[in-house]
N, C-alpha and C. Protein backbone atom coordinates (compact mmCIF):
# COMPACT_ATOMS: atom_id res chain seq x y z
N MET A 1 -42.15 56.38 -74.27
CA MET A 1 -42.92 55.18 -74.02
C MET A 1 -43.18 54.51 -75.38
N ASP A 2 -42.86 53.26 -75.49
CA ASP A 2 -43.07 52.55 -76.75
C ASP A 2 -44.54 52.15 -76.91
N TRP A 3 -44.87 51.63 -78.08
CA TRP A 3 -46.26 51.30 -78.41
C TRP A 3 -46.85 50.30 -77.44
N SER A 4 -46.12 49.25 -77.10
CA SER A 4 -46.67 48.20 -76.23
C SER A 4 -46.94 48.72 -74.82
N ALA A 5 -46.10 49.61 -74.33
CA ALA A 5 -46.33 50.18 -73.00
C ALA A 5 -47.57 51.07 -73.01
N ARG A 6 -47.75 51.86 -74.08
CA ARG A 6 -48.95 52.72 -74.19
C ARG A 6 -50.21 51.85 -74.31
N ALA A 7 -50.11 50.80 -75.12
CA ALA A 7 -51.26 49.91 -75.30
C ALA A 7 -51.64 49.26 -73.98
N TRP A 8 -50.64 48.80 -73.24
CA TRP A 8 -50.89 48.15 -71.94
C TRP A 8 -51.54 49.13 -70.97
N LYS A 9 -51.05 50.37 -70.96
CA LYS A 9 -51.60 51.40 -70.08
C LYS A 9 -53.07 51.67 -70.43
N GLU A 10 -53.37 51.77 -71.72
CA GLU A 10 -54.75 51.99 -72.16
C GLU A 10 -55.64 50.80 -71.81
N LEU A 11 -55.10 49.60 -71.97
CA LEU A 11 -55.86 48.40 -71.64
C LEU A 11 -56.21 48.36 -70.16
N ARG A 12 -55.26 48.70 -69.31
CA ARG A 12 -55.53 48.73 -67.86
C ARG A 12 -56.58 49.79 -67.53
N LYS A 13 -56.49 50.95 -68.19
CA LYS A 13 -57.47 52.01 -67.95
C LYS A 13 -58.87 51.54 -68.36
N GLU A 14 -58.97 50.87 -69.51
CA GLU A 14 -60.24 50.34 -69.99
C GLU A 14 -60.79 49.29 -69.02
N ALA A 15 -59.93 48.42 -68.53
CA ALA A 15 -60.36 47.39 -67.58
C ALA A 15 -60.91 48.02 -66.31
N ARG A 16 -60.24 49.06 -65.80
CA ARG A 16 -60.73 49.75 -64.60
C ARG A 16 -62.08 50.40 -64.87
N PHE A 17 -62.23 51.02 -66.04
CA PHE A 17 -63.50 51.65 -66.39
C PHE A 17 -64.61 50.61 -66.47
N ARG A 18 -64.34 49.49 -67.12
CA ARG A 18 -65.37 48.44 -67.24
C ARG A 18 -65.74 47.89 -65.87
N HIS A 19 -64.75 47.69 -65.00
CA HIS A 19 -65.03 47.19 -63.65
C HIS A 19 -65.94 48.16 -62.92
N CYS A 20 -65.63 49.46 -62.97
CA CYS A 20 -66.46 50.45 -62.30
C CYS A 20 -67.85 50.48 -62.90
N SER A 21 -67.94 50.37 -64.21
CA SER A 21 -69.23 50.38 -64.89
C SER A 21 -70.07 49.17 -64.48
N VAL A 22 -69.48 47.99 -64.48
CA VAL A 22 -70.20 46.77 -64.09
C VAL A 22 -70.62 46.85 -62.63
N THR A 23 -69.74 47.33 -61.76
CA THR A 23 -70.06 47.45 -60.34
C THR A 23 -71.22 48.40 -60.14
N SER A 24 -71.19 49.53 -60.82
CA SER A 24 -72.27 50.51 -60.70
C SER A 24 -73.58 49.94 -61.20
N CYS A 25 -73.56 49.26 -62.34
CA CYS A 25 -74.78 48.66 -62.89
C CYS A 25 -75.31 47.58 -61.96
N SER A 26 -74.42 46.77 -61.40
CA SER A 26 -74.84 45.71 -60.50
C SER A 26 -75.53 46.29 -59.27
N THR A 27 -74.97 47.36 -58.73
CA THR A 27 -75.57 48.01 -57.57
C THR A 27 -76.94 48.54 -57.92
N ASN A 28 -77.07 49.15 -59.10
CA ASN A 28 -78.37 49.67 -59.53
C ASN A 28 -79.38 48.55 -59.72
N LEU A 29 -78.95 47.42 -60.28
CA LEU A 29 -79.85 46.28 -60.45
C LEU A 29 -80.26 45.72 -59.09
N ASP A 30 -79.31 45.57 -58.19
CA ASP A 30 -79.63 45.08 -56.83
C ASP A 30 -80.66 45.99 -56.18
N ARG A 31 -80.43 47.29 -56.27
CA ARG A 31 -81.34 48.26 -55.65
C ARG A 31 -82.75 48.15 -56.27
N GLU A 32 -82.80 48.01 -57.59
CA GLU A 32 -84.09 47.90 -58.27
C GLU A 32 -84.83 46.63 -57.83
N LEU A 33 -84.13 45.51 -57.77
CA LEU A 33 -84.76 44.26 -57.34
C LEU A 33 -85.22 44.33 -55.89
N GLU A 34 -84.42 44.93 -55.03
CA GLU A 34 -84.81 45.09 -53.63
C GLU A 34 -86.02 45.99 -53.49
N ASN A 35 -86.04 47.11 -54.24
CA ASN A 35 -87.18 48.03 -54.20
C ASN A 35 -88.47 47.35 -54.65
N ARG A 36 -88.36 46.44 -55.58
CA ARG A 36 -89.54 45.71 -56.07
C ARG A 36 -89.93 44.56 -55.14
N GLY A 37 -89.09 44.26 -54.16
CA GLY A 37 -89.40 43.20 -53.21
C GLY A 37 -89.12 41.80 -53.72
N HIS A 38 -88.29 41.67 -54.73
CA HIS A 38 -87.98 40.35 -55.28
C HIS A 38 -86.92 39.63 -54.45
N ARG A 39 -87.05 38.32 -54.41
CA ARG A 39 -86.00 37.48 -53.84
C ARG A 39 -85.07 37.10 -54.99
N PHE A 40 -83.80 37.32 -54.80
CA PHE A 40 -82.86 37.09 -55.90
C PHE A 40 -81.48 36.75 -55.35
N VAL A 41 -80.67 36.18 -56.21
CA VAL A 41 -79.27 35.94 -55.91
C VAL A 41 -78.50 36.36 -57.16
N ARG A 42 -77.40 37.09 -56.96
CA ARG A 42 -76.63 37.59 -58.08
C ARG A 42 -75.15 37.46 -57.77
N TYR A 43 -74.39 37.06 -58.78
CA TYR A 43 -72.94 37.04 -58.69
C TYR A 43 -72.42 37.59 -60.01
N ALA A 44 -71.71 38.71 -59.96
CA ALA A 44 -71.20 39.38 -61.15
C ALA A 44 -72.35 39.65 -62.11
N ASP A 45 -72.32 39.07 -63.30
CA ASP A 45 -73.39 39.34 -64.26
C ASP A 45 -74.42 38.21 -64.32
N ASP A 46 -74.35 37.26 -63.42
CA ASP A 46 -75.34 36.18 -63.35
C ASP A 46 -76.35 36.51 -62.26
N CYS A 47 -77.62 36.31 -62.58
CA CYS A 47 -78.66 36.65 -61.61
C CYS A 47 -79.84 35.69 -61.72
N ASN A 48 -80.34 35.22 -60.60
CA ASN A 48 -81.56 34.44 -60.53
C ASN A 48 -82.55 35.22 -59.68
N ILE A 49 -83.79 35.34 -60.18
CA ILE A 49 -84.85 36.03 -59.46
C ILE A 49 -85.93 34.99 -59.20
N TYR A 50 -86.38 34.91 -57.94
CA TYR A 50 -87.34 33.87 -57.56
C TYR A 50 -88.72 34.49 -57.32
N VAL A 51 -89.72 33.93 -58.01
CA VAL A 51 -91.10 34.36 -57.87
C VAL A 51 -91.97 33.13 -57.66
N ARG A 52 -93.24 33.32 -57.39
CA ARG A 52 -94.11 32.20 -57.02
C ARG A 52 -94.73 31.45 -58.19
N SER A 53 -94.87 32.08 -59.34
CA SER A 53 -95.56 31.41 -60.45
C SER A 53 -94.86 31.69 -61.78
N GLU A 54 -95.18 30.87 -62.77
CA GLU A 54 -94.61 31.07 -64.10
C GLU A 54 -95.09 32.39 -64.69
N ARG A 55 -96.35 32.71 -64.45
CA ARG A 55 -96.89 33.98 -64.96
C ARG A 55 -96.13 35.17 -64.37
N ALA A 56 -95.89 35.13 -63.07
CA ALA A 56 -95.11 36.19 -62.42
C ALA A 56 -93.69 36.22 -63.00
N GLY A 57 -93.14 35.04 -63.25
CA GLY A 57 -91.80 34.96 -63.84
C GLY A 57 -91.73 35.63 -65.20
N GLN A 58 -92.73 35.40 -66.04
CA GLN A 58 -92.77 36.03 -67.36
C GLN A 58 -92.86 37.55 -67.22
N ARG A 59 -93.70 38.00 -66.32
CA ARG A 59 -93.89 39.43 -66.10
C ARG A 59 -92.60 40.08 -65.59
N VAL A 60 -91.95 39.44 -64.62
CA VAL A 60 -90.72 39.98 -64.06
C VAL A 60 -89.59 39.94 -65.09
N MET A 61 -89.52 38.86 -65.85
CA MET A 61 -88.48 38.75 -66.89
C MET A 61 -88.60 39.91 -67.88
N GLU A 62 -89.82 40.19 -68.30
CA GLU A 62 -90.03 41.27 -69.26
C GLU A 62 -89.65 42.63 -68.66
N SER A 63 -90.10 42.90 -67.44
CA SER A 63 -89.85 44.22 -66.86
C SER A 63 -88.38 44.41 -66.47
N ILE A 64 -87.74 43.37 -65.96
CA ILE A 64 -86.32 43.49 -65.59
C ILE A 64 -85.45 43.56 -66.84
N SER A 65 -85.79 42.81 -67.88
CA SER A 65 -85.05 42.90 -69.13
C SER A 65 -85.13 44.31 -69.70
N HIS A 66 -86.32 44.90 -69.61
CA HIS A 66 -86.50 46.29 -70.07
C HIS A 66 -85.64 47.23 -69.23
N PHE A 67 -85.63 47.04 -67.91
CA PHE A 67 -84.81 47.88 -67.03
C PHE A 67 -83.33 47.76 -67.39
N ILE A 68 -82.87 46.54 -67.60
CA ILE A 68 -81.44 46.31 -67.91
C ILE A 68 -81.06 46.93 -69.25
N THR A 69 -81.91 46.77 -70.26
CA THR A 69 -81.55 47.30 -71.58
C THR A 69 -81.76 48.81 -71.69
N GLN A 70 -82.83 49.33 -71.10
CA GLN A 70 -83.13 50.76 -71.25
C GLN A 70 -82.41 51.64 -70.22
N LYS A 71 -82.45 51.25 -68.97
CA LYS A 71 -81.85 52.10 -67.91
C LYS A 71 -80.35 51.87 -67.77
N LEU A 72 -79.94 50.60 -67.77
CA LEU A 72 -78.52 50.30 -67.57
C LEU A 72 -77.73 50.24 -68.87
N LYS A 73 -78.43 50.21 -70.00
CA LYS A 73 -77.80 50.19 -71.33
C LYS A 73 -76.92 48.94 -71.52
N LEU A 74 -77.40 47.80 -71.02
CA LEU A 74 -76.70 46.53 -71.17
C LEU A 74 -77.54 45.59 -72.03
N LYS A 75 -76.91 44.55 -72.54
CA LYS A 75 -77.62 43.56 -73.33
C LYS A 75 -78.00 42.38 -72.44
N VAL A 76 -79.17 41.81 -72.69
CA VAL A 76 -79.62 40.61 -72.01
C VAL A 76 -79.44 39.46 -72.98
N ASN A 77 -78.74 38.42 -72.55
CA ASN A 77 -78.53 37.25 -73.40
C ASN A 77 -79.79 36.39 -73.35
N GLU A 78 -80.59 36.49 -74.41
CA GLU A 78 -81.86 35.76 -74.46
C GLU A 78 -81.66 34.24 -74.43
N ALA A 79 -80.54 33.78 -74.98
CA ALA A 79 -80.28 32.33 -75.02
C ALA A 79 -80.05 31.76 -73.62
N LYS A 80 -79.52 32.57 -72.72
CA LYS A 80 -79.25 32.10 -71.36
C LYS A 80 -80.36 32.47 -70.38
N SER A 81 -81.30 33.28 -70.81
CA SER A 81 -82.38 33.74 -69.94
C SER A 81 -83.58 32.81 -70.07
N ALA A 82 -84.23 32.53 -68.95
CA ALA A 82 -85.38 31.64 -68.99
C ALA A 82 -86.24 31.82 -67.75
N VAL A 83 -87.50 31.46 -67.90
CA VAL A 83 -88.40 31.35 -66.76
C VAL A 83 -88.55 29.85 -66.52
N ALA A 84 -88.11 29.38 -65.36
CA ALA A 84 -88.15 27.95 -65.06
C ALA A 84 -88.14 27.74 -63.56
N ARG A 85 -88.45 26.54 -63.16
CA ARG A 85 -88.38 26.18 -61.74
C ARG A 85 -86.91 26.12 -61.32
N PRO A 86 -86.62 26.45 -60.08
CA PRO A 86 -85.22 26.43 -59.63
C PRO A 86 -84.54 25.08 -59.83
N GLN A 87 -85.31 23.98 -59.73
CA GLN A 87 -84.74 22.65 -59.92
C GLN A 87 -84.28 22.40 -61.35
N GLU A 88 -84.77 23.19 -62.28
CA GLU A 88 -84.45 23.01 -63.69
C GLU A 88 -83.27 23.86 -64.16
N ARG A 89 -82.75 24.70 -63.30
CA ARG A 89 -81.67 25.62 -63.69
C ARG A 89 -80.46 25.43 -62.79
N LYS A 90 -79.29 25.76 -63.31
CA LYS A 90 -78.07 25.77 -62.51
C LYS A 90 -77.63 27.21 -62.33
N PHE A 91 -77.01 27.50 -61.20
CA PHE A 91 -76.47 28.82 -60.92
C PHE A 91 -75.08 28.64 -60.35
N LEU A 92 -74.09 29.09 -61.09
CA LEU A 92 -72.69 28.97 -60.69
C LEU A 92 -72.31 27.52 -60.43
N GLY A 93 -72.89 26.63 -61.20
CA GLY A 93 -72.57 25.21 -61.09
C GLY A 93 -73.39 24.46 -60.06
N PHE A 94 -74.28 25.15 -59.35
CA PHE A 94 -75.11 24.52 -58.33
C PHE A 94 -76.55 24.45 -58.81
N GLN A 95 -77.26 23.45 -58.31
CA GLN A 95 -78.66 23.28 -58.67
C GLN A 95 -79.46 23.02 -57.39
N LEU A 96 -80.60 23.66 -57.27
CA LEU A 96 -81.47 23.47 -56.12
C LEU A 96 -82.40 22.29 -56.37
N TYR A 97 -82.75 21.57 -55.33
CA TYR A 97 -83.72 20.49 -55.45
C TYR A 97 -84.38 20.29 -54.10
N SER A 98 -85.56 19.69 -54.11
CA SER A 98 -86.25 19.41 -52.85
C SER A 98 -85.81 18.05 -52.34
N ARG A 99 -85.94 17.83 -51.07
CA ARG A 99 -85.50 16.57 -50.48
C ARG A 99 -86.28 15.37 -51.03
N SER A 100 -87.52 15.58 -51.44
CA SER A 100 -88.31 14.45 -51.95
C SER A 100 -87.82 13.96 -53.31
N GLU A 101 -87.04 14.77 -54.03
CA GLU A 101 -86.53 14.36 -55.32
C GLU A 101 -85.31 13.46 -55.21
N HIS A 102 -84.61 13.52 -54.11
CA HIS A 102 -83.37 12.72 -53.96
C HIS A 102 -83.40 11.88 -52.73
């Protein structure tokens, strides 16, 4: 087997491992959010969690960020993370709004 074939084989093995790792972490995150009773929507590594107040949002952001970094051993992108009203954020290219706004 030449170098490029070995490299390709290793790359495929790494991709399968990462897919399994991400799938496992996603399932654990889903389970944690469900156990806490949060309303949320998640696709791959993007997640929106819906709470009733900004204060609750700050509290949930801190605790879920801790769960993700400590338990799942993943990084949270602080630049993309925020506590905001659903109308102020986009998720997968979509934005929520109330009928009175449009």
